[in-house]
C-alpha atoms as a PDB file:
ATOM      1  CA  MET A   1      -7.533   1.301 -46.358  1.00  0.00           C
ATOM      2  CA  ARG A   2      -9.453  -1.975 -46.096  1.00  0.00           C
ATOM      3  CA  LYS A   3     -11.036  -1.367 -49.513  1.00  0.00           C
ATOM      4  CA  MET A   4      -7.588  -0.783 -51.016  1.00  0.00           C
ATOM      5  CA  LEU A   5      -6.341  -4.097 -49.599  1.00  0.00           C
ATOM      6  CA  ILE A   6      -9.400  -5.913 -50.901  1.00  0.00           C
ATOM      7  CA  LEU A   7      -8.915  -4.381 -54.362  1.00  0.00           C
ATOM      8  CA  LEU A   8      -5.222  -5.279 -54.340  1.00  0.00           C
ATOM      9  CA  ALA A   9      -5.985  -8.868 -53.319  1.00  0.00           C
ATOM     10  CA  PHE A  10      -8.631  -9.111 -56.035  1.00  0.00           C
ATOM     11  CA  PHE A  11      -6.287  -7.905 -58.785  1.00  0.00           C
ATOM     12  CA  LEU A  12      -3.490 -10.167 -57.617  1.00  0.00           C
ATOM     13  CA  SER A  13      -5.801 -13.163 -57.588  1.00  0.00           C
ATOM     14  CA  LEU A  14      -7.133 -12.339 -61.067  1.00  0.00           C
ATOM     15  CA  ASN A  15      -3.585 -12.090 -62.365  1.00  0.00           C
ATOM     16  CA  ALA A  16      -2.641 -15.363 -60.695  1.00  0.00           C
ATOM     17  CA  TYR A  17      -5.685 -17.088 -62.169  1.00  0.00           C
ATOM     18  CA  SER A  18      -5.266 -15.761 -65.696  1.00  0.00           C
ATOM     19  CA  GLN A  19      -3.597 -18.071 -68.175  1.00  0.00           C
ATOM     20  CA  GLU A  20      -1.557 -15.105 -69.393  1.00  0.00           C
ATOM     21  CA  GLU A  21       0.144 -12.269 -67.551  1.00  0.00           C
ATOM     22  CA  SER A  22      -2.351  -9.757 -68.940  1.00  0.00           C
ATOM     23  CA  LEU A  23      -4.912  -9.539 -71.662  1.00  0.00           C
ATOM     24  CA  PRO A  24      -3.560  -8.041 -74.877  1.00  0.00           C
ATOM     25  CA  LYS A  25      -5.116  -5.030 -76.520  1.00  0.00           C
ATOM     26  CA  SER A  26      -7.327  -5.790 -79.477  1.00  0.00           C
ATOM     27  CA  SER A  27      -5.310  -5.407 -82.642  1.00  0.00           C
ATOM     28  CA  THR A  28      -7.414  -7.342 -85.135  1.00  0.00           C
ATOM     29  CA  THR A  29     -11.049  -6.414 -84.879  1.00  0.00           C
ATOM     30  CA  VAL A  30     -13.820  -8.301 -86.618  1.00  0.00           C
ATOM     31  CA  LYS A  31     -17.395  -7.167 -86.093  1.00  0.00           C
ATOM     32  CA  TYR A  32     -19.066  -9.669 -83.816  1.00  0.00           C
ATOM     33  CA  TYR A  33     -22.016 -10.313 -86.082  1.00  0.00           C
ATOM     34  CA  ASP A  34     -19.738 -11.088 -89.022  1.00  0.00           C
ATOM     35  CA  ALA A  35     -20.899 -14.199 -90.857  1.00  0.00           C
ATOM     36  CA  THR A  36     -17.710 -16.019 -89.841  1.00  0.00           C
ATOM     37  CA  VAL A  37     -18.765 -15.988 -86.155  1.00  0.00           C
ATOM     38  CA  PRO A  38     -21.488 -18.597 -85.562  1.00  0.00           C
ATOM     39  CA  GLN A  39     -24.672 -17.305 -83.922  1.00  0.00           C
ATOM     40  CA  GLU A  40     -24.393 -20.274 -81.533  1.00  0.00           C
ATOM     41  CA  LEU A  41     -21.439 -18.592 -79.801  1.00  0.00           C
ATOM     42  CA  HIS A  42     -23.317 -15.343 -79.274  1.00  0.00           C
ATOM     43  CA  THR A  43     -26.287 -17.292 -77.908  1.00  0.00           C
ATOM     44  CA  ARG A  44     -24.115 -19.256 -75.465  1.00  0.00           C
ATOM     45  CA  ILE A  45     -22.445 -16.092 -74.194  1.00  0.00           C
ATOM     46  CA  SER A  46     -25.809 -14.307 -73.905  1.00  0.00           C
ATOM     47  CA  ASP A  47     -27.227 -17.224 -71.914  1.00  0.00           C
ATOM     48  CA  PHE A  48     -24.135 -17.109 -69.680  1.00  0.00           C
ATOM     49  CA  PHE A  49     -24.566 -13.396 -68.947  1.00  0.00           C
ATOM     50  CA  LYS A  50     -28.293 -13.799 -68.276  1.00  0.00           C
ATOM     51  CA  LEU A  51     -27.451 -16.257 -65.487  1.00  0.00           C
ATOM     52  CA  VAL A  52     -24.661 -14.000 -64.166  1.00  0.00           C
ATOM     53  CA  ILE A  53     -27.117 -11.085 -64.046  1.00  0.00           C
ATOM     54  CA  ARG A  54     -29.300 -13.264 -61.789  1.00  0.00           C
ATOM     55  CA  ALA A  55     -26.182 -13.985 -59.651  1.00  0.00           C
ATOM     56  CA  GLU A  56     -26.340 -17.683 -60.619  1.00  0.00           C
ATOM     57  CA  TYR A  57     -22.581 -17.799 -61.125  1.00  0.00           C
ATOM     58  CA  GLU A  58     -21.968 -21.518 -60.744  1.00  0.00           C
ATOM     59  CA  ASN A  59     -24.847 -22.432 -63.063  1.00  0.00           C
ATOM     60  CA  ALA A  60     -23.653 -19.833 -65.577  1.00  0.00           C
ATOM     61  CA  TYR A  61     -20.207 -21.411 -65.763  1.00  0.00           C
ATOM     62  CA  LYS A  62     -21.522 -24.979 -65.794  1.00  0.00           C
ATOM     63  CA  GLU A  63     -23.719 -24.177 -68.807  1.00  0.00           C
ATOM     64  CA  LEU A  64     -21.034 -22.237 -70.656  1.00  0.00           C
ATOM     65  CA  LEU A  65     -18.365 -24.871 -69.998  1.00  0.00           C
ATOM     66  CA  LYS A  66     -20.412 -27.892 -71.125  1.00  0.00           C
ATOM     67  CA  ASN A  67     -18.070 -30.437 -72.752  1.00  0.00           C
ATOM     68  CA  SER A  68     -15.071 -28.203 -72.026  1.00  0.00           C
ATOM     69  CA  PRO A  69     -11.998 -29.668 -70.334  1.00  0.00           C
ATOM     70  CA  LEU A  70     -12.178 -26.668 -67.980  1.00  0.00           C
ATOM     71  CA  LEU A  71     -15.366 -28.045 -66.406  1.00  0.00           C
ATOM     72  CA  ARG A  72     -13.542 -31.237 -65.473  1.00  0.00           C
ATOM     73  CA  LYS A  73     -11.247 -29.202 -63.229  1.00  0.00           C
ATOM     74  CA  ASP A  74     -13.233 -28.619 -60.033  1.00  0.00           C
ATOM     75  CA  LYS A  75     -10.760 -26.005 -58.849  1.00  0.00           C
ATOM     76  CA  GLU A  76     -11.211 -24.078 -62.106  1.00  0.00           C
ATOM     77  CA  LEU A  77     -14.980 -23.825 -61.640  1.00  0.00           C
ATOM     78  CA  VAL A  78     -14.565 -22.718 -58.022  1.00  0.00           C
ATOM     79  CA  ASN A  79     -11.981 -20.081 -59.039  1.00  0.00           C
ATOM     80  CA  LEU A  80     -14.171 -18.673 -61.799  1.00  0.00           C
ATOM     81  CA  THR A  81     -17.223 -18.562 -59.549  1.00  0.00           C
ATOM     82  CA  THR A  82     -15.338 -16.969 -56.646  1.00  0.00           C
ATOM     83  CA  GLN A  83     -13.658 -14.349 -58.842  1.00  0.00           C
ATOM     84  CA  THR A  84     -16.966 -13.426 -60.453  1.00  0.00           C
ATOM     85  CA  GLU A  85     -18.574 -13.001 -57.027  1.00  0.00           C
ATOM     86  CA  LYS A  86     -15.653 -10.799 -55.908  1.00  0.00           C
ATOM     87  CA  ALA A  87     -15.901  -8.730 -59.081  1.00  0.00           C
ATOM     88  CA  ALA A  88     -19.603  -8.136 -58.408  1.00  0.00           C
ATOM     89  CA  GLU A  89     -18.771  -6.991 -54.864  1.00  0.00           C
ATOM     90  CA  ILE A  90     -16.144  -4.541 -56.083  1.00  0.00           C
ATOM     91  CA  TYR A  91     -17.620  -3.289 -59.380  1.00  0.00           C
ATOM     92  CA  GLY A  92     -21.297  -3.809 -58.676  1.00  0.00           C
ATOM     93  CA  ALA A  93     -23.664  -6.392 -60.059  1.00  0.00           C
ATOM     94  CA  ILE A  94     -23.684  -7.006 -63.792  1.00  0.00           C
ATOM     95  CA  LYS A  95     -26.842  -5.439 -65.191  1.00  0.00           C
ATOM     96  CA  GLY A  96     -26.147  -6.009 -68.880  1.00  0.00           C
ATOM     97  CA  PHE A  97     -23.536  -6.858 -71.494  1.00  0.00           C
ATOM     98  CA  GLU A  98     -22.480  -5.812 -74.977  1.00  0.00           C
ATOM     99  CA  ALA A  99     -20.610  -7.635 -77.708  1.00  0.00           C
ATOM    100  CA  VAL A 100     -17.497  -5.625 -78.584  1.00  0.00           C
ATOM    101  CA  ASP A 101     -15.679  -7.640 -81.230  1.00  0.00           C
ATOM    102  CA  ALA A 102     -14.323 -11.024 -82.176  1.00  0.00           C
ATOM    103  CA  GLU A 103     -11.115 -12.368 -83.595  1.00  0.00           C
ATOM    104  CA  VAL A 104     -11.351 -15.317 -85.941  1.00  0.00           C
ATOM    105  CA  ALA A 105      -8.063 -17.226 -86.020  1.00  0.00           C
ATOM    106  CA  SER A 106      -9.557 -20.012 -88.146  1.00  0.00           C
ATOM    107  CA  ASN A 107     -12.863 -21.779 -88.733  1.00  0.00           C
ATOM    108  CA  SER A 108     -12.171 -23.689 -85.505  1.00  0.00           C
ATOM    109  CA  LEU A 109     -10.778 -21.021 -83.157  1.00  0.00           C
ATOM    110  CA  ILE A 110     -12.605 -17.815 -82.281  1.00  0.00           C
ATOM    111  CA  LYS A 111     -12.125 -15.267 -79.499  1.00  0.00           C
ATOM    112  CA  CYS A 112     -15.175 -13.164 -78.518  1.00  0.00           C
ATOM    113  CA  ARG A 113     -14.823  -9.963 -76.500  1.00  0.00           C
ATOM    114  CA  TYR A 114     -17.653  -8.503 -74.423  1.00  0.00           C
ATOM    115  CA  LEU A 115     -18.220  -5.610 -72.080  1.00  0.00           C
ATOM    116  CA  GLY A 116     -19.912  -6.410 -68.766  1.00  0.00           C
ATOM    117  CA  LEU A 117     -22.095  -3.499 -67.666  1.00  0.00           C
ATOM    118  CA  ASN A 118     -21.586  -3.501 -63.915  1.00  0.00           C
ATOM    119  CA  THR A 119     -23.276  -0.875 -61.741  1.00  0.00           C
ATOM    120  CA  ARG A 120     -20.005   0.806 -60.638  1.00  0.00           C
ATOM    121  CA  TYR A 121     -17.447   0.020 -63.334  1.00  0.00           C
ATOM    122  CA  PRO A 122     -17.337  -1.866 -66.651  1.00  0.00           C
ATOM    123  CA  MET A 123     -15.542  -5.181 -67.002  1.00  0.00           C
ATOM    124  CA  ARG A 124     -13.852  -6.751 -69.996  1.00  0.00           C
ATOM    125  CA  TRP A 125     -14.710 -10.379 -70.789  1.00  0.00           C
ATOM    126  CA  VAL A 126     -12.897 -12.597 -73.310  1.00  0.00           C
ATOM    127  CA  PHE A 127     -14.195 -16.031 -74.325  1.00  0.00           C
ATOM    128  CA  THR A 128     -12.110 -18.350 -76.523  1.00  0.00           C
ATOM    129  CA  PHE A 129     -13.971 -21.105 -78.358  1.00  0.00           C
ATOM    130  CA  TYR A 130     -12.612 -24.156 -80.155  1.00  0.00           C
ATOM    131  CA  ASN A 131     -14.711 -26.185 -82.602  1.00  0.00           C
ATOM    132  CA  SER A 132     -13.765 -29.674 -81.449  1.00  0.00           C
ATOM    133  CA  PRO A 133     -14.309 -32.435 -84.017  1.00  0.00           C
ATOM    134  CA  ALA A 134     -15.703 -34.591 -81.189  1.00  0.00           C
ATOM    135  CA  GLU A 135     -17.626 -32.073 -79.015  1.00  0.00           C
ATOM    136  CA  GLY A 136     -18.513 -29.101 -81.232  1.00  0.00           C
ATOM    137  CA  TRP A 137     -17.915 -25.581 -79.914  1.00  0.00           C
ATOM    138  CA  ILE A 138     -16.293 -25.642 -76.471  1.00  0.00           C
ATOM    139  CA  ILE A 139     -14.752 -22.954 -74.300  1.00  0.00           C
ATOM    140  CA  THR A 140     -10.992 -23.254 -73.941  1.00  0.00           C
ATOM    141  CA  ASN A 141     -10.393 -20.023 -72.054  1.00  0.00           C
ATOM    142  CA  ILE A 142     -12.326 -17.355 -70.128  1.00  0.00           C
ATOM    143  CA  LYS A 143     -10.767 -14.135 -68.922  1.00  0.00           C
ATOM    144  CA  PHE A 144     -12.209 -11.061 -67.292  1.00  0.00           C
ATOM    145  CA  ASP A 145     -10.739  -7.926 -65.792  1.00  0.00           C
ATOM    146  CA  ASP A 146     -11.378  -4.218 -65.297  1.00  0.00           C
ATOM    147  CA  GLN A 147      -9.213  -3.120 -68.240  1.00  0.00           C
ATOM    148  CA  SER A 148     -12.075  -2.052 -70.523  1.00  0.00           C
ATOM    149  CA  ASP A 149      -9.990   0.883 -71.777  1.00  0.00           C
ATOM    150  CA  TYR A 150      -8.014  -1.670 -73.836  1.00  0.00           C
ATOM    151  CA  TYR A 151     -10.977  -1.804 -76.208  1.00  0.00           C
ATOM    152  CA  PHE A 152      -9.903   1.601 -77.552  1.00  0.00           C
ATOM    153  CA  ARG A 153      -7.097   2.175 -80.034  1.00  0.00           C
ATOM    154  CA  GLN A 154      -3.937   3.729 -78.658  1.00  0.00           C
ATOM    155  CA  ASP A 155      -3.834   7.527 -78.791  1.00  0.00           C
END
């Protein structure tokens, strides 16, 4: 019963944190390594996951969010770090990650989707990047949840 309450609290807090009610299913799929997706984005996400795998959550977010307005919000960093720690408790530690796809809205706005390979259950990660004329590529949104089945087309 206690586990059920913890899971319920976790999902409610993820939903409250998310900038949207829920993550949409992928409708437009572009292969991640498509030439329109800069290698820099893959490298930044890979570096992020390498720190998460070592349970260095705060450092992972600080590096990923460099120059992002999200990093200027102390509460945002604490929320991301806390939710990632809770996810690791529930789904197991992240042991790896895989690029799933990306959606290129324009040359300046790209959404990258990844699968976190946790020991008990996979997690879906979505990173939205904006190519700021002043700062270069910055993160404008990070989302993660346990809805990895959304990566599949509807039956």
